[in-house]
Amino acid sequence: MNRCRRRFTLDLVPLRAAVLSFAGGLLASGVLVSSAALADDASAGAPGSWQTHKYSFQYLGFTSTYSCDGLADKLKKLLLAAGARADLKSQPGACASPLGRPDKFARADLTFSTLAPFDAAAGGKPVRGTWQTVSFAAHSPQDLQIGDCELIEQFRQQVLPMFTTRNLVSNTTCIPYQESGSLIDLRFDSFTAATPRARARP
């Protein structure tokens, strides 16, 4: 009798393991489905709040030289393309050369706002945010030239950290004193305000 009961108990061990494995599989599947749903929700957008930055940008390069007003214009286009709010200000800084004249130490004074994940403790009204793919390359934005390679490098190092970004890829290569062989390749996702959808006409 005891021998039969022991055999029956041992036969139940594989069955119990199979049941536990099946239950664990269902639980794991549920977690995966839940995670995928959360990822879809996050990619659809999230609330954010504007943060204002003030920065004095000084260009130091070997290949290209900018006038202070020319540098300010270039930086304004880069800021807008990266997702800064449209009311930004990019103005010529204190430069030794007159406006319109190239300056080896060109400066621009920047005041701009970027979107960050919403912090309820900070107060304020949330803004609907979304992820926007940004790509800097020759002629993207349209008037970006290979000669702007060093400017793109300095923009990435000094200004881009003030944005909320993800999936940053930087393959930009700048060769001093020449454009041949240089490459502008900077890509990232920027968290910025979602564009309101146009209302359908009746």
N, C-alpha and C. Protein backbone atom coordinates (compact mmCIF):
# COMPACT_ATOMS: atom_id res chain seq x y z
N MET A 1 0.83 -1.21 0.00
CA MET A 1 0.00 0.00 0.00
C MET A 1 0.87 1.25 0.00
N ASN A 2 1.83 1.32 0.84
CA ASN A 2 2.71 2.49 0.89
C ASN A 2 3.50 2.63 -0.39
N ARG A 3 3.86 1.44 -0.97
CA ARG A 3 4.64 1.49 -2.19
C ARG A 3 3.82 2.07 -3.33
N CYS A 4 2.56 1.72 -3.42
CA CYS A 4 1.68 2.25 -4.46
C CYS A 4 1.45 3.73 -4.28
N ARG A 5 1.24 4.18 -3.03
CA ARG A 5 0.99 5.59 -2.76
C ARG A 5 2.20 6.43 -3.13
N ARG A 6 3.40 5.89 -2.88
CA ARG A 6 4.60 6.64 -3.20
C ARG A 6 4.75 6.80 -4.70
N ARG A 7 4.43 5.72 -5.47
CA ARG A 7 4.52 5.79 -6.92
C ARG A 7 3.54 6.82 -7.46
N PHE A 8 2.37 6.90 -6.91
CA PHE A 8 1.34 7.85 -7.36
C PHE A 8 1.80 9.29 -7.09
N THR A 9 2.44 9.51 -5.94
CA THR A 9 2.93 10.84 -5.59
C THR A 9 4.03 11.27 -6.54
N LEU A 10 4.93 10.35 -6.88
CA LEU A 10 6.01 10.68 -7.79
C LEU A 10 5.50 10.98 -9.18
N ASP A 11 4.43 10.30 -9.59
CA ASP A 11 3.86 10.56 -10.91
C ASP A 11 3.24 11.94 -10.99
N LEU A 12 2.84 12.49 -9.84
CA LEU A 12 2.23 13.82 -9.84
C LEU A 12 3.27 14.93 -10.01
N VAL A 13 4.53 14.68 -9.73
CA VAL A 13 5.56 15.72 -9.80
C VAL A 13 5.67 16.32 -11.19
N PRO A 14 5.80 15.50 -12.26
CA PRO A 14 5.87 16.11 -13.59
C PRO A 14 4.61 16.89 -13.94
N LEU A 15 3.45 16.39 -13.52
CA LEU A 15 2.19 17.07 -13.81
C LEU A 15 2.14 18.43 -13.13
N ARG A 16 2.57 18.47 -11.86
CA ARG A 16 2.58 19.74 -11.13
C ARG A 16 3.54 20.73 -11.79
N ALA A 17 4.71 20.26 -12.23
CA ALA A 17 5.68 21.13 -12.91
C ALA A 17 5.12 21.68 -14.20
N ALA A 18 4.38 20.84 -14.93
CA ALA A 18 3.79 21.29 -16.19
C ALA A 18 2.75 22.37 -15.95
N VAL A 19 1.93 22.18 -14.90
CA VAL A 19 0.90 23.18 -14.57
C VAL A 19 1.54 24.50 -14.20
N LEU A 20 2.58 24.46 -13.34
CA LEU A 20 3.27 25.68 -12.94
C LEU A 20 3.93 26.38 -14.13
N SER A 21 4.51 25.57 -15.03
CA SER A 21 5.15 26.15 -16.21
C SER A 21 4.13 26.84 -17.10
N PHE A 22 2.95 26.20 -17.26
CA PHE A 22 1.89 26.78 -18.08
C PHE A 22 1.37 28.09 -17.48
N ALA A 23 1.19 28.08 -16.15
CA ALA A 23 0.72 29.30 -15.47
C ALA A 23 1.75 30.41 -15.58
N GLY A 24 3.03 30.04 -15.44
CA GLY A 24 4.08 31.04 -15.56
C GLY A 24 4.13 31.63 -16.96
N GLY A 25 3.87 30.77 -17.97
CA GLY A 25 3.85 31.26 -19.34
C GLY A 25 2.73 32.25 -19.56
N LEU A 26 1.55 31.96 -19.02
CA LEU A 26 0.42 32.89 -19.14
C LEU A 26 0.74 34.21 -18.48
N LEU A 27 1.38 34.15 -17.28
CA LEU A 27 1.72 35.37 -16.56
C LEU A 27 2.73 36.20 -17.35
N ALA A 28 3.74 35.52 -17.91
CA ALA A 28 4.75 36.23 -18.70
C ALA A 28 4.13 36.86 -19.92
N SER A 29 3.19 36.12 -20.58
CA SER A 29 2.53 36.68 -21.74
C SER A 29 1.74 37.92 -21.37
N GLY A 30 1.08 37.87 -20.21
CA GLY A 30 0.32 39.03 -19.76
C GLY A 30 1.21 40.22 -19.52
N VAL A 31 2.40 39.99 -18.94
CA VAL A 31 3.34 41.08 -18.68
C VAL A 31 3.83 41.67 -19.98
N LEU A 32 4.12 40.79 -20.97
CA LEU A 32 4.59 41.28 -22.26
C LEU A 32 3.53 42.11 -22.96
N VAL A 33 2.31 41.65 -22.95
CA VAL A 33 1.23 42.40 -23.56
C VAL A 33 1.05 43.74 -22.88
N SER A 34 1.10 43.71 -21.52
CA SER A 34 0.96 44.95 -20.77
C SER A 34 2.08 45.92 -21.10
N SER A 35 3.34 45.42 -21.18
CA SER A 35 4.48 46.28 -21.50
C SER A 35 4.35 46.88 -22.88
N ALA A 36 3.89 46.08 -23.83
CA ALA A 36 3.72 46.59 -25.19
C ALA A 36 2.66 47.68 -25.23
N ALA A 37 1.59 47.49 -24.46
CA ALA A 37 0.55 48.50 -24.43
C ALA A 37 1.07 49.80 -23.83
N LEU A 38 1.87 49.69 -22.76
CA LEU A 38 2.44 50.88 -22.15
C LEU A 38 3.38 51.59 -23.11
N ALA A 39 4.15 50.82 -23.88
CA ALA A 39 5.06 51.42 -24.85
C ALA A 39 4.29 52.17 -25.92
N ASP A 40 3.15 51.57 -26.37
CA ASP A 40 2.33 52.25 -27.36
C ASP A 40 1.78 53.54 -26.82
N ASP A 41 1.33 53.54 -25.56
CA ASP A 41 0.80 54.75 -24.94
C ASP A 41 1.87 55.82 -24.85
N ALA A 42 3.09 55.43 -24.47
CA ALA A 42 4.17 56.40 -24.32
C ALA A 42 4.55 57.01 -25.65
N SER A 43 4.56 56.17 -26.72
CA SER A 43 4.95 56.69 -28.02
C SER A 43 3.88 57.61 -28.58
N ALA A 44 2.63 57.45 -28.12
CA ALA A 44 1.55 58.29 -28.62
C ALA A 44 1.67 59.72 -28.10
N GLY A 45 2.37 59.94 -27.00
CA GLY A 45 2.53 61.28 -26.46
C GLY A 45 2.41 61.28 -24.95
N ALA A 46 2.88 62.36 -24.35
CA ALA A 46 2.84 62.48 -22.90
C ALA A 46 2.82 63.96 -22.55
N PRO A 47 2.33 64.31 -21.36
CA PRO A 47 2.31 65.72 -20.97
C PRO A 47 3.72 66.25 -20.71
N GLY A 48 3.91 67.52 -21.01
CA GLY A 48 5.20 68.16 -20.78
C GLY A 48 5.01 69.58 -20.30
N SER A 49 6.11 70.22 -19.96
CA SER A 49 6.08 71.62 -19.54
C SER A 49 7.30 72.32 -20.14
N TRP A 50 7.14 73.60 -20.46
CA TRP A 50 8.20 74.36 -21.09
C TRP A 50 9.24 74.81 -20.07
N GLN A 51 10.50 74.71 -20.47
CA GLN A 51 11.61 75.21 -19.66
C GLN A 51 12.39 76.23 -20.49
N THR A 52 12.65 77.39 -19.92
CA THR A 52 13.32 78.47 -20.63
C THR A 52 14.82 78.44 -20.35
N HIS A 53 15.61 78.63 -21.41
CA HIS A 53 17.06 78.62 -21.30
C HIS A 53 17.63 79.91 -21.88
N LYS A 54 18.68 80.41 -21.25
CA LYS A 54 19.43 81.54 -21.78
C LYS A 54 20.89 81.12 -21.88
N TYR A 55 21.44 81.33 -23.06
CA TYR A 55 22.80 80.82 -23.28
C TYR A 55 23.54 81.73 -24.25
N SER A 56 24.80 82.02 -23.93
CA SER A 56 25.67 82.80 -24.80
C SER A 56 26.56 81.81 -25.57
N PHE A 57 26.31 81.70 -26.86
CA PHE A 57 27.02 80.72 -27.69
C PHE A 57 28.20 81.41 -28.38
N GLN A 58 29.40 80.89 -28.17
CA GLN A 58 30.58 81.41 -28.86
C GLN A 58 31.10 80.33 -29.79
N TYR A 59 31.18 80.68 -31.06
CA TYR A 59 31.66 79.73 -32.07
C TYR A 59 33.18 79.75 -32.13
N LEU A 60 33.76 78.56 -32.11
CA LEU A 60 35.21 78.40 -32.26
C LEU A 60 35.45 77.31 -33.28
N GLY A 61 35.80 77.71 -34.49
CA GLY A 61 36.00 76.74 -35.56
C GLY A 61 37.19 77.09 -36.42
N PHE A 62 37.59 76.17 -37.30
CA PHE A 62 38.74 76.35 -38.17
C PHE A 62 38.35 76.54 -39.63
N THR A 63 37.26 75.88 -40.04
CA THR A 63 36.94 75.84 -41.46
C THR A 63 36.10 77.03 -41.91
N SER A 64 35.04 77.33 -41.18
CA SER A 64 34.12 78.40 -41.55
C SER A 64 34.18 79.54 -40.54
N THR A 65 33.93 80.75 -41.04
CA THR A 65 33.86 81.93 -40.19
C THR A 65 32.50 82.58 -40.40
N TYR A 66 31.87 83.01 -39.31
CA TYR A 66 30.54 83.60 -39.38
C TYR A 66 30.59 85.04 -38.89
N SER A 67 29.71 85.84 -39.44
CA SER A 67 29.44 87.13 -38.81
C SER A 67 28.54 86.86 -37.63
N CYS A 68 28.44 87.80 -36.69
CA CYS A 68 27.62 87.55 -35.51
C CYS A 68 26.14 87.42 -35.86
N ASP A 69 25.65 88.24 -36.80
CA ASP A 69 24.26 88.11 -37.20
C ASP A 69 24.03 86.85 -38.03
N GLY A 70 25.04 86.45 -38.83
CA GLY A 70 24.92 85.20 -39.58
C GLY A 70 24.88 83.99 -38.66
N LEU A 71 25.69 84.01 -37.61
CA LEU A 71 25.68 82.92 -36.63
C LEU A 71 24.33 82.85 -35.92
N ALA A 72 23.80 84.00 -35.55
CA ALA A 72 22.50 84.04 -34.87
C ALA A 72 21.40 83.45 -35.76
N ASP A 73 21.43 83.76 -37.06
CA ASP A 73 20.43 83.22 -37.99
C ASP A 73 20.54 81.70 -38.11
N LYS A 74 21.77 81.20 -38.21
CA LYS A 74 21.97 79.75 -38.32
C LYS A 74 21.47 79.03 -37.07
N LEU A 75 21.80 79.58 -35.90
CA LEU A 75 21.39 78.93 -34.66
C LEU A 75 19.89 78.95 -34.48
N LYS A 76 19.24 80.02 -34.94
CA LYS A 76 17.78 80.07 -34.84
C LYS A 76 17.14 78.92 -35.63
N LYS A 77 17.65 78.67 -36.82
CA LYS A 77 17.11 77.58 -37.65
C LYS A 77 17.38 76.22 -37.01
N LEU A 78 18.55 76.05 -36.42
CA LEU A 78 18.86 74.79 -35.76
C LEU A 78 17.96 74.56 -34.54
N LEU A 79 17.72 75.61 -33.77
CA LEU A 79 16.86 75.50 -32.59
C LEU A 79 15.44 75.13 -32.98
N LEU A 80 14.92 75.78 -34.00
CA LEU A 80 13.55 75.48 -34.45
C LEU A 80 13.47 74.04 -34.96
N ALA A 81 14.47 73.61 -35.74
CA ALA A 81 14.46 72.25 -36.27
C ALA A 81 14.55 71.21 -35.16
N ALA A 82 15.25 71.56 -34.06
CA ALA A 82 15.41 70.62 -32.95
C ALA A 82 14.18 70.55 -32.06
N GLY A 83 13.21 71.46 -32.25
CA GLY A 83 11.97 71.39 -31.47
C GLY A 83 11.78 72.48 -30.46
N ALA A 84 12.58 73.55 -30.51
CA ALA A 84 12.39 74.67 -29.58
C ALA A 84 11.09 75.40 -29.91
N ARG A 85 10.53 76.08 -28.92
CA ARG A 85 9.29 76.83 -29.13
C ARG A 85 9.53 77.97 -30.10
N ALA A 86 8.51 78.32 -30.86
CA ALA A 86 8.67 79.25 -31.98
C ALA A 86 9.01 80.67 -31.54
N ASP A 87 8.78 81.03 -30.27
CA ASP A 87 9.03 82.40 -29.83
C ASP A 87 10.48 82.63 -29.38
N LEU A 88 11.40 81.76 -29.79
CA LEU A 88 12.79 81.87 -29.37
C LEU A 88 13.42 83.15 -29.92
N LYS A 89 14.51 83.56 -29.26
CA LYS A 89 15.29 84.71 -29.70
C LYS A 89 16.74 84.30 -29.87
N SER A 90 17.30 84.62 -31.03
CA SER A 90 18.71 84.37 -31.32
C SER A 90 19.27 85.67 -31.87
N GLN A 91 20.08 86.34 -31.06
CA GLN A 91 20.55 87.67 -31.41
C GLN A 91 22.07 87.72 -31.44
N PRO A 92 22.64 88.59 -32.28
CA PRO A 92 24.10 88.72 -32.31
C PRO A 92 24.63 89.11 -30.93
N GLY A 93 25.73 88.49 -30.55
CA GLY A 93 26.34 88.79 -29.27
C GLY A 93 27.34 89.93 -29.40
N ALA A 94 28.13 90.10 -28.36
CA ALA A 94 29.15 91.16 -28.36
C ALA A 94 30.33 90.70 -29.22
N CYS A 95 30.46 91.32 -30.40
CA CYS A 95 31.50 90.92 -31.34
C CYS A 95 32.39 92.11 -31.67
N ALA A 96 33.63 91.82 -32.01
CA ALA A 96 34.58 92.88 -32.34
C ALA A 96 34.31 93.44 -33.73
N SER A 97 33.84 92.59 -34.65
CA SER A 97 33.61 93.03 -36.02
C SER A 97 32.22 93.63 -36.17
N PRO A 98 32.04 94.58 -37.11
CA PRO A 98 30.70 95.14 -37.37
C PRO A 98 29.76 94.05 -37.89
N LEU A 99 28.45 94.30 -37.78
CA LEU A 99 27.47 93.33 -38.28
C LEU A 99 27.67 93.10 -39.77
N GLY A 100 27.56 91.86 -40.16
CA GLY A 100 27.75 91.50 -41.55
C GLY A 100 29.18 91.14 -41.91
N ARG A 101 30.12 91.39 -41.01
CA ARG A 101 31.53 91.08 -41.25
C ARG A 101 31.92 89.80 -40.50
N PRO A 102 32.66 88.90 -41.14
CA PRO A 102 33.08 87.67 -40.45
C PRO A 102 33.90 87.98 -39.21
N ASP A 103 33.68 87.17 -38.19
CA ASP A 103 34.38 87.35 -36.92
C ASP A 103 34.87 85.98 -36.45
N LYS A 104 36.16 85.85 -36.16
CA LYS A 104 36.71 84.56 -35.75
C LYS A 104 36.12 84.09 -34.43
N PHE A 105 35.62 85.02 -33.62
CA PHE A 105 35.04 84.65 -32.32
C PHE A 105 33.59 85.12 -32.26
N ALA A 106 32.83 84.74 -33.29
CA ALA A 106 31.43 85.16 -33.37
C ALA A 106 30.64 84.63 -32.18
N ARG A 107 29.71 85.46 -31.70
CA ARG A 107 28.85 85.10 -30.56
C ARG A 107 27.39 85.33 -30.92
N ALA A 108 26.53 84.58 -30.24
CA ALA A 108 25.09 84.78 -30.36
C ALA A 108 24.46 84.53 -28.99
N ASP A 109 23.52 85.39 -28.62
CA ASP A 109 22.81 85.26 -27.35
C ASP A 109 21.47 84.58 -27.61
N LEU A 110 21.26 83.45 -26.95
CA LEU A 110 20.08 82.62 -27.20
C LEU A 110 19.13 82.65 -26.00
N THR A 111 17.85 82.81 -26.29
CA THR A 111 16.79 82.63 -25.30
C THR A 111 15.73 81.75 -25.94
N PHE A 112 15.53 80.56 -25.39
CA PHE A 112 14.62 79.62 -26.03
C PHE A 112 14.01 78.68 -24.99
N SER A 113 12.91 78.07 -25.37
CA SER A 113 12.20 77.15 -24.48
C SER A 113 12.13 75.76 -25.10
N THR A 114 12.38 74.75 -24.27
CA THR A 114 12.28 73.36 -24.70
C THR A 114 11.27 72.63 -23.81
N LEU A 115 10.70 71.57 -24.34
CA LEU A 115 9.69 70.81 -23.60
C LEU A 115 10.36 69.69 -22.82
N ALA A 116 10.00 69.59 -21.54
CA ALA A 116 10.49 68.53 -20.66
C ALA A 116 9.30 67.75 -20.13
N PRO A 117 9.48 66.51 -19.67
CA PRO A 117 8.38 65.76 -19.07
C PRO A 117 7.72 66.56 -17.95
N PHE A 118 6.41 66.50 -17.88
CA PHE A 118 5.65 67.32 -16.95
C PHE A 118 5.94 66.92 -15.50
N ASP A 119 6.16 67.94 -14.67
CA ASP A 119 6.41 67.74 -13.24
C ASP A 119 5.27 68.42 -12.48
N ALA A 120 4.37 67.61 -11.92
CA ALA A 120 3.20 68.17 -11.23
C ALA A 120 3.62 69.04 -10.05
N ALA A 121 4.74 68.70 -9.41
CA ALA A 121 5.18 69.47 -8.24
C ALA A 121 5.58 70.89 -8.62
N ALA A 122 6.01 71.07 -9.87
CA ALA A 122 6.43 72.40 -10.31
C ALA A 122 5.25 73.29 -10.66
N GLY A 123 4.08 72.69 -10.79
CA GLY A 123 2.89 73.46 -11.13
C GLY A 123 2.86 73.84 -12.61
N GLY A 124 1.92 74.68 -12.96
CA GLY A 124 1.79 75.09 -14.35
C GLY A 124 0.85 74.17 -15.11
N LYS A 125 0.51 74.61 -16.32
CA LYS A 125 -0.41 73.85 -17.15
C LYS A 125 0.35 72.91 -18.07
N PRO A 126 0.00 71.63 -18.10
CA PRO A 126 0.72 70.70 -18.96
C PRO A 126 0.47 70.96 -20.44
N VAL A 127 1.45 70.63 -21.25
CA VAL A 127 1.38 70.76 -22.70
C VAL A 127 1.46 69.36 -23.29
N ARG A 128 0.63 69.10 -24.29
CA ARG A 128 0.67 67.77 -24.91
C ARG A 128 1.94 67.63 -25.75
N GLY A 129 2.78 66.68 -25.37
CA GLY A 129 4.06 66.50 -26.04
C GLY A 129 4.09 65.24 -26.88
N THR A 130 5.03 65.20 -27.81
CA THR A 130 5.21 64.03 -28.65
C THR A 130 6.68 63.95 -29.05
N TRP A 131 7.10 62.80 -29.55
CA TRP A 131 8.48 62.61 -29.99
C TRP A 131 8.56 62.92 -31.49
N GLN A 132 9.51 63.77 -31.84
CA GLN A 132 9.72 64.18 -33.22
C GLN A 132 11.12 63.76 -33.65
N THR A 133 11.22 63.09 -34.80
CA THR A 133 12.51 62.67 -35.33
C THR A 133 13.17 63.85 -36.03
N VAL A 134 14.42 64.12 -35.65
CA VAL A 134 15.18 65.25 -36.21
C VAL A 134 16.44 64.69 -36.86
N SER A 135 16.77 65.23 -38.03
CA SER A 135 17.97 64.80 -38.75
C SER A 135 18.70 66.02 -39.29
N PHE A 136 19.97 66.17 -38.90
CA PHE A 136 20.81 67.23 -39.44
C PHE A 136 21.81 66.59 -40.41
N ALA A 137 21.79 67.09 -41.64
CA ALA A 137 22.71 66.61 -42.68
C ALA A 137 22.90 67.75 -43.66
N ALA A 138 23.77 67.56 -44.65
CA ALA A 138 23.96 68.59 -45.66
C ALA A 138 22.62 68.87 -46.35
N HIS A 139 22.19 70.13 -46.35
CA HIS A 139 20.93 70.58 -46.94
C HIS A 139 19.71 70.12 -46.14
N SER A 140 19.89 69.75 -44.91
CA SER A 140 18.77 69.40 -44.02
C SER A 140 19.08 69.90 -42.60
N PRO A 141 18.55 71.10 -42.19
CA PRO A 141 17.69 72.02 -42.94
C PRO A 141 18.32 72.48 -44.25
N GLN A 142 17.49 73.11 -45.07
CA GLN A 142 17.84 73.35 -46.47
C GLN A 142 19.15 74.09 -46.66
N ASP A 143 19.41 75.14 -45.88
CA ASP A 143 20.61 75.94 -46.10
C ASP A 143 21.80 75.49 -45.25
N LEU A 144 21.73 74.29 -44.67
CA LEU A 144 22.86 73.75 -43.90
C LEU A 144 23.89 73.19 -44.88
N GLN A 145 25.13 73.67 -44.79
CA GLN A 145 26.18 73.28 -45.72
C GLN A 145 27.25 72.46 -44.99
N ILE A 146 28.09 71.76 -45.79
CA ILE A 146 29.18 70.98 -45.21
C ILE A 146 30.10 71.88 -44.38
N GLY A 147 30.23 73.13 -44.80
CA GLY A 147 31.07 74.07 -44.05
C GLY A 147 30.56 74.36 -42.66
N ASP A 148 29.30 73.99 -42.37
CA ASP A 148 28.72 74.19 -41.04
C ASP A 148 29.00 73.01 -40.11
N CYS A 149 29.87 72.11 -40.52
CA CYS A 149 30.12 70.88 -39.77
C CYS A 149 30.53 71.17 -38.33
N GLU A 150 31.48 72.07 -38.13
CA GLU A 150 31.96 72.36 -36.77
C GLU A 150 30.87 73.04 -35.94
N LEU A 151 30.02 73.83 -36.59
CA LEU A 151 28.90 74.45 -35.88
C LEU A 151 27.94 73.38 -35.36
N ILE A 152 27.67 72.36 -36.17
CA ILE A 152 26.80 71.26 -35.74
C ILE A 152 27.42 70.51 -34.56
N GLU A 153 28.71 70.28 -34.60
CA GLU A 153 29.38 69.61 -33.47
C GLU A 153 29.23 70.42 -32.19
N GLN A 154 29.43 71.72 -32.27
CA GLN A 154 29.33 72.56 -31.08
C GLN A 154 27.89 72.70 -30.61
N PHE A 155 26.95 72.70 -31.55
CA PHE A 155 25.53 72.73 -31.19
C PHE A 155 25.17 71.46 -30.41
N ARG A 156 25.67 70.31 -30.88
CA ARG A 156 25.39 69.05 -30.18
C ARG A 156 25.97 69.06 -28.77
N GLN A 157 27.17 69.57 -28.63
CA GLN A 157 27.85 69.54 -27.34
C GLN A 157 27.28 70.56 -26.35
N GLN A 158 26.95 71.76 -26.82
CA GLN A 158 26.61 72.86 -25.93
C GLN A 158 25.11 73.09 -25.76
N VAL A 159 24.35 72.91 -26.83
CA VAL A 159 22.94 73.30 -26.82
C VAL A 159 21.99 72.11 -26.71
N LEU A 160 22.28 71.05 -27.44
CA LEU A 160 21.36 69.91 -27.48
C LEU A 160 21.08 69.31 -26.11
N PRO A 161 22.04 69.30 -25.14
CA PRO A 161 21.71 68.76 -23.81
C PRO A 161 20.58 69.51 -23.10
N MET A 162 20.21 70.70 -23.56
CA MET A 162 19.09 71.44 -22.95
C MET A 162 17.74 70.94 -23.47
N PHE A 163 17.76 70.09 -24.48
CA PHE A 163 16.54 69.47 -25.00
C PHE A 163 16.36 68.10 -24.34
N THR A 164 15.12 67.60 -24.35
CA THR A 164 14.85 66.23 -23.94
C THR A 164 14.91 65.37 -25.19
N THR A 165 15.91 64.48 -25.27
CA THR A 165 16.12 63.69 -26.48
C THR A 165 16.26 62.21 -26.15
N ARG A 166 16.19 61.40 -27.19
CA ARG A 166 16.44 59.97 -27.07
C ARG A 166 16.96 59.47 -28.43
N ASN A 167 17.52 58.28 -28.45
CA ASN A 167 18.00 57.64 -29.68
C ASN A 167 18.98 58.53 -30.45
N LEU A 168 19.92 59.13 -29.72
CA LEU A 168 20.89 60.02 -30.34
C LEU A 168 21.93 59.21 -31.13
N VAL A 169 22.11 59.60 -32.40
CA VAL A 169 23.14 59.01 -33.25
C VAL A 169 23.95 60.15 -33.83
N SER A 170 25.25 60.17 -33.54
CA SER A 170 26.12 61.23 -34.02
C SER A 170 27.31 60.63 -34.77
N ASN A 171 27.26 60.74 -36.10
CA ASN A 171 28.36 60.28 -36.94
C ASN A 171 29.05 61.46 -37.63
N THR A 172 28.86 62.66 -37.11
CA THR A 172 29.44 63.85 -37.71
C THR A 172 30.96 63.80 -37.59
N THR A 173 31.62 64.06 -38.72
CA THR A 173 33.08 64.09 -38.77
C THR A 173 33.51 65.36 -39.46
N CYS A 174 34.29 66.18 -38.79
CA CYS A 174 34.74 67.46 -39.33
C CYS A 174 36.26 67.45 -39.47
N ILE A 175 36.74 67.79 -40.67
CA ILE A 175 38.17 67.88 -40.92
C ILE A 175 38.56 69.35 -40.96
N PRO A 176 39.41 69.80 -40.04
CA PRO A 176 39.75 71.22 -39.97
C PRO A 176 40.34 71.76 -41.28
N TYR A 177 39.96 72.99 -41.59
CA TYR A 177 40.50 73.75 -42.72
C TYR A 177 40.08 73.22 -44.10
N GLN A 178 39.19 72.25 -44.15
CA GLN A 178 38.72 71.78 -45.45
C GLN A 178 37.34 71.14 -45.30
N GLU A 179 36.56 71.24 -46.38
CA GLU A 179 35.24 70.64 -46.39
C GLU A 179 35.27 69.22 -46.93
N SER A 180 36.23 68.93 -47.80
CA SER A 180 36.34 67.60 -48.39
C SER A 180 36.59 66.55 -47.30
N GLY A 181 35.77 65.51 -47.29
CA GLY A 181 35.91 64.45 -46.30
C GLY A 181 35.10 64.67 -45.04
N SER A 182 34.55 65.88 -44.85
CA SER A 182 33.71 66.15 -43.67
C SER A 182 32.31 65.58 -43.89
N LEU A 183 31.64 65.26 -42.81
CA LEU A 183 30.31 64.66 -42.89
C LEU A 183 29.45 65.19 -41.76
N ILE A 184 28.24 65.64 -42.10
CA ILE A 184 27.25 66.03 -41.08
C ILE A 184 26.21 64.93 -41.01
N ASP A 185 26.13 64.27 -39.89
CA ASP A 185 25.15 63.19 -39.68
C ASP A 185 24.79 63.16 -38.20
N LEU A 186 23.75 63.89 -37.83
CA LEU A 186 23.28 63.96 -36.44
C LEU A 186 21.79 63.67 -36.44
N ARG A 187 21.38 62.62 -35.72
CA ARG A 187 19.97 62.22 -35.68
C ARG A 187 19.56 61.96 -34.24
N PHE A 188 18.32 62.32 -33.93
CA PHE A 188 17.80 62.09 -32.58
C PHE A 188 16.29 62.30 -32.59
N ASP A 189 15.64 61.82 -31.53
CA ASP A 189 14.23 62.11 -31.29
C ASP A 189 14.15 63.21 -30.25
N SER A 190 13.35 64.22 -30.53
CA SER A 190 13.21 65.35 -29.62
C SER A 190 11.78 65.41 -29.08
N PHE A 191 11.67 65.58 -27.77
CA PHE A 191 10.37 65.70 -27.12
C PHE A 191 9.90 67.15 -27.28
N THR A 192 8.83 67.34 -28.03
CA THR A 192 8.37 68.69 -28.32
C THR A 192 6.86 68.73 -28.35
N ALA A 193 6.30 69.93 -28.48
CA ALA A 193 4.86 70.09 -28.44
C ALA A 193 4.21 69.44 -29.66
N ALA A 194 3.13 68.72 -29.41
CA ALA A 194 2.40 68.09 -30.50
C ALA A 194 1.68 69.15 -31.32
N THR A 195 1.71 69.01 -32.62
CA THR A 195 1.02 69.95 -33.50
C THR A 195 -0.46 69.65 -33.48
N PRO A 196 -1.30 70.65 -33.20
CA PRO A 196 -2.75 70.40 -33.18
C PRO A 196 -3.24 69.91 -34.54
N ARG A 197 -4.11 68.93 -34.51
CA ARG A 197 -4.65 68.41 -35.76
C ARG A 197 -5.66 69.40 -36.35
N ALA A 198 -5.60 69.50 -37.67
CA ALA A 198 -6.53 70.40 -38.34
C ALA A 198 -7.96 69.87 -38.22
N ARG A 199 -8.90 70.77 -37.94
CA ARG A 199 -10.29 70.34 -37.82
C ARG A 199 -10.88 70.03 -39.19
N ALA A 200 -11.66 68.96 -39.23
CA ALA A 200 -12.28 68.58 -40.48
C ALA A 200 -13.37 69.58 -40.86
N ARG A 201 -13.42 69.95 -42.12
CA ARG A 201 -14.46 70.87 -42.57
C ARG A 201 -15.81 70.18 -42.64
N PRO A 202 -16.88 70.88 -42.27
CA PRO A 202 -18.21 70.25 -42.32
C PRO A 202 -18.63 70.00 -43.76
